[in-house]
């Protein structure tokens, strides 16, 4: 099954989307409170600068999260988070027997 259809990824995407929406609304409310205290001629400029800085901060944090997630996947070498299978006894490597070795009977 494709990775995009996996339930864990969809839940993660939905929760991240919900958090971004809440943070975006929070930024707008916070900026409107602060901008309302400024003189009318400065309000538009400060609102635009504040929203731009908030957007850049959110994009930077998402980029950092993506980097951290990418490094965890690269560390295992299998495209999985590091340590996902390292402690499972079912995934230990079993040395192969030489071709001339016969088991004892």
N, C-alpha and C. Protein backbone atom coordinates (compact mmCIF):
# COMPACT_ATOMS: atom_id res chain seq x y z
N UNK A 1 0.85 -1.17 0.00
CA UNK A 1 0.00 0.00 0.00
C UNK A 1 0.89 1.24 0.00
N UNK A 2 0.47 2.24 -0.65
CA UNK A 2 1.24 3.47 -0.76
C UNK A 2 1.36 4.16 0.60
N UNK A 3 2.50 4.83 0.81
CA UNK A 3 2.72 5.54 2.08
C UNK A 3 1.67 6.61 2.33
N UNK A 4 1.18 7.24 1.28
CA UNK A 4 0.22 8.34 1.44
C UNK A 4 -1.09 7.85 2.03
N UNK A 5 -1.39 6.57 1.88
CA UNK A 5 -2.65 6.04 2.35
C UNK A 5 -2.55 5.41 3.74
N UNK A 6 -1.38 5.38 4.32
CA UNK A 6 -1.22 4.77 5.63
C UNK A 6 -1.92 5.62 6.69
N UNK A 7 -2.55 4.96 7.61
CA UNK A 7 -3.36 5.62 8.63
C UNK A 7 -2.51 6.54 9.51
N UNK A 8 -1.31 6.11 9.89
CA UNK A 8 -0.47 6.94 10.75
C UNK A 8 -0.11 8.25 10.08
N UNK A 9 0.20 8.18 8.80
CA UNK A 9 0.57 9.40 8.09
C UNK A 9 -0.62 10.33 7.93
N UNK A 10 -1.79 9.78 7.68
CA UNK A 10 -2.98 10.63 7.55
C UNK A 10 -3.33 11.29 8.88
N UNK A 11 -3.21 10.56 9.98
CA UNK A 11 -3.47 11.14 11.29
C UNK A 11 -2.46 12.24 11.59
N UNK A 12 -1.21 12.00 11.27
CA UNK A 12 -0.17 13.01 11.48
C UNK A 12 -0.43 14.25 10.64
N UNK A 13 -0.82 14.05 9.39
CA UNK A 13 -1.11 15.19 8.52
C UNK A 13 -2.29 15.99 9.03
N UNK A 14 -3.34 15.30 9.46
CA UNK A 14 -4.52 16.01 9.98
C UNK A 14 -4.20 16.77 11.27
N UNK A 15 -3.43 16.17 12.16
CA UNK A 15 -3.09 16.87 13.40
C UNK A 15 -2.18 18.06 13.13
N UNK A 16 -1.23 17.91 12.22
CA UNK A 16 -0.36 19.03 11.87
C UNK A 16 -1.15 20.15 11.21
N UNK A 17 -2.09 19.80 10.35
CA UNK A 17 -2.93 20.80 9.70
C UNK A 17 -3.77 21.54 10.73
N UNK A 18 -4.35 20.81 11.67
CA UNK A 18 -5.16 21.45 12.72
C UNK A 18 -4.32 22.39 13.56
N UNK A 19 -3.11 21.98 13.91
CA UNK A 19 -2.24 22.85 14.71
C UNK A 19 -1.86 24.11 13.94
N UNK A 20 -1.59 23.97 12.65
CA UNK A 20 -1.23 25.14 11.85
C UNK A 20 -2.40 26.12 11.74
N UNK A 21 -3.62 25.59 11.61
CA UNK A 21 -4.80 26.47 11.54
C UNK A 21 -4.97 27.22 12.87
N UNK A 22 -4.84 26.50 13.98
CA UNK A 22 -4.98 27.14 15.30
C UNK A 22 -3.89 28.18 15.50
N UNK A 23 -2.66 27.87 15.14
CA UNK A 23 -1.58 28.84 15.28
C UNK A 23 -1.78 30.05 14.37
N UNK A 24 -2.30 29.83 13.18
CA UNK A 24 -2.57 30.94 12.27
C UNK A 24 -3.64 31.88 12.83
N UNK A 25 -4.70 31.31 13.37
CA UNK A 25 -5.76 32.13 13.97
C UNK A 25 -5.22 32.86 15.19
N UNK A 26 -4.41 32.19 15.99
CA UNK A 26 -3.80 32.81 17.16
C UNK A 26 -2.94 34.00 16.76
N UNK A 27 -2.17 33.85 15.69
CA UNK A 27 -1.33 34.95 15.20
C UNK A 27 -2.17 36.15 14.77
N UNK A 28 -3.27 35.89 14.08
CA UNK A 28 -4.13 36.98 13.61
C UNK A 28 -4.75 37.71 14.80
N UNK A 29 -5.23 36.98 15.79
CA UNK A 29 -5.85 37.60 16.96
C UNK A 29 -4.82 38.42 17.74
N UNK A 30 -3.65 37.85 17.96
CA UNK A 30 -2.59 38.55 18.70
C UNK A 30 -2.17 39.82 17.96
N UNK A 31 -1.98 39.71 16.66
CA UNK A 31 -1.56 40.90 15.90
C UNK A 31 -2.65 41.96 15.87
N UNK A 32 -3.93 41.57 15.78
CA UNK A 32 -4.98 42.59 15.75
C UNK A 32 -5.07 43.32 17.09
N UNK A 33 -4.80 42.63 18.19
CA UNK A 33 -4.80 43.30 19.49
C UNK A 33 -3.66 44.31 19.55
N UNK A 34 -2.48 43.88 19.13
CA UNK A 34 -1.33 44.79 19.17
C UNK A 34 -1.46 45.94 18.18
N UNK A 35 -1.91 45.65 16.97
CA UNK A 35 -2.02 46.68 15.94
C UNK A 35 -3.09 47.70 16.29
N UNK A 36 -4.13 47.27 17.02
CA UNK A 36 -5.19 48.19 17.40
C UNK A 36 -4.71 49.31 18.31
N UNK A 37 -3.56 49.14 18.96
CA UNK A 37 -3.02 50.16 19.85
C UNK A 37 -2.14 51.17 19.12
N UNK A 38 -1.87 50.91 17.85
CA UNK A 38 -1.00 51.80 17.08
C UNK A 38 -1.81 52.89 16.39
N UNK A 39 -1.11 53.96 15.96
CA UNK A 39 -1.80 54.99 15.17
C UNK A 39 -2.29 54.41 13.84
N UNK A 40 -3.42 54.88 13.32
CA UNK A 40 -4.02 54.29 12.10
C UNK A 40 -3.08 54.26 10.89
N UNK A 41 -2.18 55.21 10.76
CA UNK A 41 -1.30 55.24 9.59
C UNK A 41 -0.24 54.13 9.62
N UNK A 42 0.04 53.58 10.79
CA UNK A 42 1.05 52.51 10.90
C UNK A 42 0.43 51.12 10.96
N UNK A 43 -0.86 51.03 11.16
CA UNK A 43 -1.50 49.73 11.40
C UNK A 43 -1.34 48.76 10.23
N UNK A 44 -1.56 49.23 9.01
CA UNK A 44 -1.47 48.33 7.85
C UNK A 44 -0.07 47.76 7.68
N UNK A 45 0.93 48.63 7.78
CA UNK A 45 2.31 48.17 7.59
C UNK A 45 2.71 47.17 8.68
N UNK A 46 2.39 47.46 9.93
CA UNK A 46 2.76 46.58 11.03
C UNK A 46 2.02 45.25 10.93
N UNK A 47 0.77 45.28 10.50
CA UNK A 47 -0.01 44.04 10.33
C UNK A 47 0.63 43.15 9.28
N UNK A 48 1.01 43.74 8.15
CA UNK A 48 1.63 42.95 7.08
C UNK A 48 2.99 42.38 7.50
N UNK A 49 3.79 43.20 8.17
CA UNK A 49 5.10 42.74 8.62
C UNK A 49 4.94 41.63 9.66
N UNK A 50 4.00 41.81 10.58
CA UNK A 50 3.77 40.80 11.62
C UNK A 50 3.30 39.48 11.04
N UNK A 51 2.37 39.53 10.09
CA UNK A 51 1.89 38.29 9.46
C UNK A 51 2.99 37.62 8.64
N UNK A 52 3.81 38.43 7.98
CA UNK A 52 4.92 37.86 7.20
C UNK A 52 5.93 37.17 8.12
N UNK A 53 6.26 37.81 9.25
CA UNK A 53 7.20 37.20 10.19
C UNK A 53 6.62 35.93 10.81
N UNK A 54 5.33 35.95 11.12
CA UNK A 54 4.69 34.75 11.68
C UNK A 54 4.71 33.61 10.66
N UNK A 55 4.45 33.93 9.40
CA UNK A 55 4.48 32.90 8.35
C UNK A 55 5.89 32.33 8.20
N UNK A 56 6.89 33.21 8.19
CA UNK A 56 8.27 32.73 8.06
C UNK A 56 8.68 31.87 9.26
N UNK A 57 8.24 32.24 10.46
CA UNK A 57 8.57 31.45 11.64
C UNK A 57 7.93 30.06 11.56
N UNK A 58 6.68 29.99 11.13
CA UNK A 58 6.01 28.69 11.02
C UNK A 58 6.66 27.83 9.94
N UNK A 59 7.03 28.43 8.81
CA UNK A 59 7.70 27.67 7.76
C UNK A 59 9.07 27.17 8.23
N UNK A 60 9.78 28.00 8.99
CA UNK A 60 11.09 27.58 9.52
C UNK A 60 10.93 26.41 10.48
N UNK A 61 9.92 26.46 11.33
CA UNK A 61 9.70 25.35 12.27
C UNK A 61 9.30 24.07 11.54
N UNK A 62 8.48 24.20 10.51
CA UNK A 62 8.11 23.01 9.72
C UNK A 62 9.33 22.42 9.01
N UNK A 63 10.21 23.29 8.53
CA UNK A 63 11.43 22.84 7.87
C UNK A 63 12.32 22.09 8.85
N UNK A 64 12.43 22.60 10.08
CA UNK A 64 13.24 21.94 11.10
C UNK A 64 12.65 20.58 11.45
N UNK A 65 11.32 20.52 11.56
CA UNK A 65 10.67 19.23 11.84
C UNK A 65 10.94 18.25 10.70
N UNK A 66 10.87 18.73 9.46
CA UNK A 66 11.14 17.85 8.32
C UNK A 66 12.59 17.36 8.33
N UNK A 67 13.52 18.24 8.72
CA UNK A 67 14.92 17.82 8.80
C UNK A 67 15.11 16.75 9.87
N UNK A 68 14.50 16.97 11.03
CA UNK A 68 14.63 15.99 12.11
C UNK A 68 14.04 14.65 11.67
N UNK A 69 12.88 14.68 11.07
CA UNK A 69 12.26 13.44 10.59
C UNK A 69 13.08 12.77 9.52
N UNK A 70 13.69 13.55 8.63
CA UNK A 70 14.53 13.00 7.58
C UNK A 70 15.78 12.35 8.13
N UNK A 71 16.38 12.95 9.15
CA UNK A 71 17.59 12.37 9.74
C UNK A 71 17.26 11.07 10.47
N UNK A 72 16.09 10.99 11.08
CA UNK A 72 15.72 9.75 11.75
C UNK A 72 15.55 8.64 10.72
N UNK A 73 15.00 8.97 9.55
CA UNK A 73 14.82 7.95 8.52
C UNK A 73 16.16 7.55 7.91
N UNK A 74 17.04 8.53 7.73
CA UNK A 74 18.34 8.23 7.12
C UNK A 74 19.22 7.41 8.06
N UNK A 75 19.05 7.57 9.36
CA UNK A 75 19.91 6.87 10.32
C UNK A 75 19.72 5.36 10.25
N UNK A 76 18.52 4.91 9.93
CA UNK A 76 18.29 3.47 9.89
C UNK A 76 18.71 2.88 8.55
N UNK A 77 18.76 3.69 7.50
CA UNK A 77 19.15 3.20 6.19
C UNK A 77 18.06 2.45 5.46
N UNK A 78 16.89 2.32 6.05
CA UNK A 78 15.80 1.59 5.42
C UNK A 78 14.59 2.46 5.17
N UNK A 79 14.70 3.77 5.39
CA UNK A 79 13.56 4.64 5.23
C UNK A 79 12.58 4.53 6.38
N UNK A 80 13.04 4.00 7.51
CA UNK A 80 12.21 3.88 8.70
C UNK A 80 12.84 4.72 9.80
N UNK A 81 12.08 5.10 10.81
CA UNK A 81 12.68 5.80 11.93
C UNK A 81 13.77 4.96 12.57
N UNK A 82 14.83 5.61 13.00
CA UNK A 82 15.93 4.89 13.62
C UNK A 82 15.45 4.16 14.85
N UNK A 83 15.85 2.93 14.98
CA UNK A 83 15.48 2.14 16.14
C UNK A 83 14.13 1.45 16.01
N UNK A 84 13.49 1.57 14.89
CA UNK A 84 12.16 0.98 14.75
C UNK A 84 12.22 -0.54 14.83
N UNK A 85 13.26 -1.13 14.26
CA UNK A 85 13.37 -2.59 14.25
C UNK A 85 14.62 -3.08 14.96
N UNK A 86 15.39 -2.19 15.53
CA UNK A 86 16.69 -2.60 16.06
C UNK A 86 16.58 -3.52 17.26
N UNK A 87 15.48 -3.46 18.02
CA UNK A 87 15.36 -4.29 19.20
C UNK A 87 14.47 -5.50 18.99
N UNK A 88 13.99 -5.70 17.80
CA UNK A 88 13.11 -6.82 17.54
C UNK A 88 13.93 -8.07 17.25
N UNK A 89 13.69 -9.16 17.98
CA UNK A 89 14.48 -10.38 17.75
C UNK A 89 14.20 -11.00 16.37
N UNK A 90 13.08 -10.68 15.76
CA UNK A 90 12.75 -11.27 14.46
C UNK A 90 13.58 -10.67 13.32
N UNK A 91 14.25 -9.55 13.56
CA UNK A 91 14.97 -8.90 12.48
C UNK A 91 16.48 -8.95 12.67
N UNK A 92 16.97 -9.84 13.56
CA UNK A 92 18.41 -9.99 13.70
C UNK A 92 18.94 -10.78 12.51
N UNK A 93 20.13 -10.43 12.13
CA UNK A 93 20.73 -11.14 11.00
C UNK A 93 21.25 -12.50 11.46
N UNK A 94 20.94 -13.51 10.69
CA UNK A 94 21.42 -14.86 10.96
C UNK A 94 22.54 -15.14 9.97
N UNK A 95 23.74 -15.48 10.47
CA UNK A 95 24.82 -15.73 9.52
C UNK A 95 24.49 -16.94 8.65
N UNK A 96 24.80 -16.81 7.40
CA UNK A 96 24.50 -17.92 6.48
C UNK A 96 25.54 -19.02 6.64
N UNK A 97 25.10 -20.21 6.42
CA UNK A 97 25.99 -21.37 6.52
C UNK A 97 26.82 -21.47 5.24
N UNK A 98 28.06 -21.85 5.37
CA UNK A 98 28.85 -22.09 4.16
C UNK A 98 28.24 -23.26 3.37
N UNK A 99 28.45 -23.29 2.10
CA UNK A 99 27.84 -24.31 1.26
C UNK A 99 28.36 -25.71 1.57
N UNK A 100 29.61 -25.85 2.08
CA UNK A 100 30.14 -27.17 2.35
C UNK A 100 29.83 -27.63 3.78
N UNK A 101 29.17 -26.82 4.56
CA UNK A 101 28.83 -27.18 5.93
C UNK A 101 27.52 -27.99 5.96
N UNK A 102 27.60 -29.15 6.61
CA UNK A 102 26.40 -29.96 6.75
C UNK A 102 26.03 -30.00 8.22
N UNK A 103 24.75 -29.86 8.52
CA UNK A 103 24.36 -29.90 9.91
C UNK A 103 24.59 -31.28 10.51
N UNK A 104 24.88 -31.31 11.81
CA UNK A 104 25.10 -32.58 12.50
C UNK A 104 23.79 -33.29 12.70
N UNK A 105 23.83 -34.62 12.60
CA UNK A 105 22.61 -35.43 12.80
C UNK A 105 22.69 -36.26 14.03
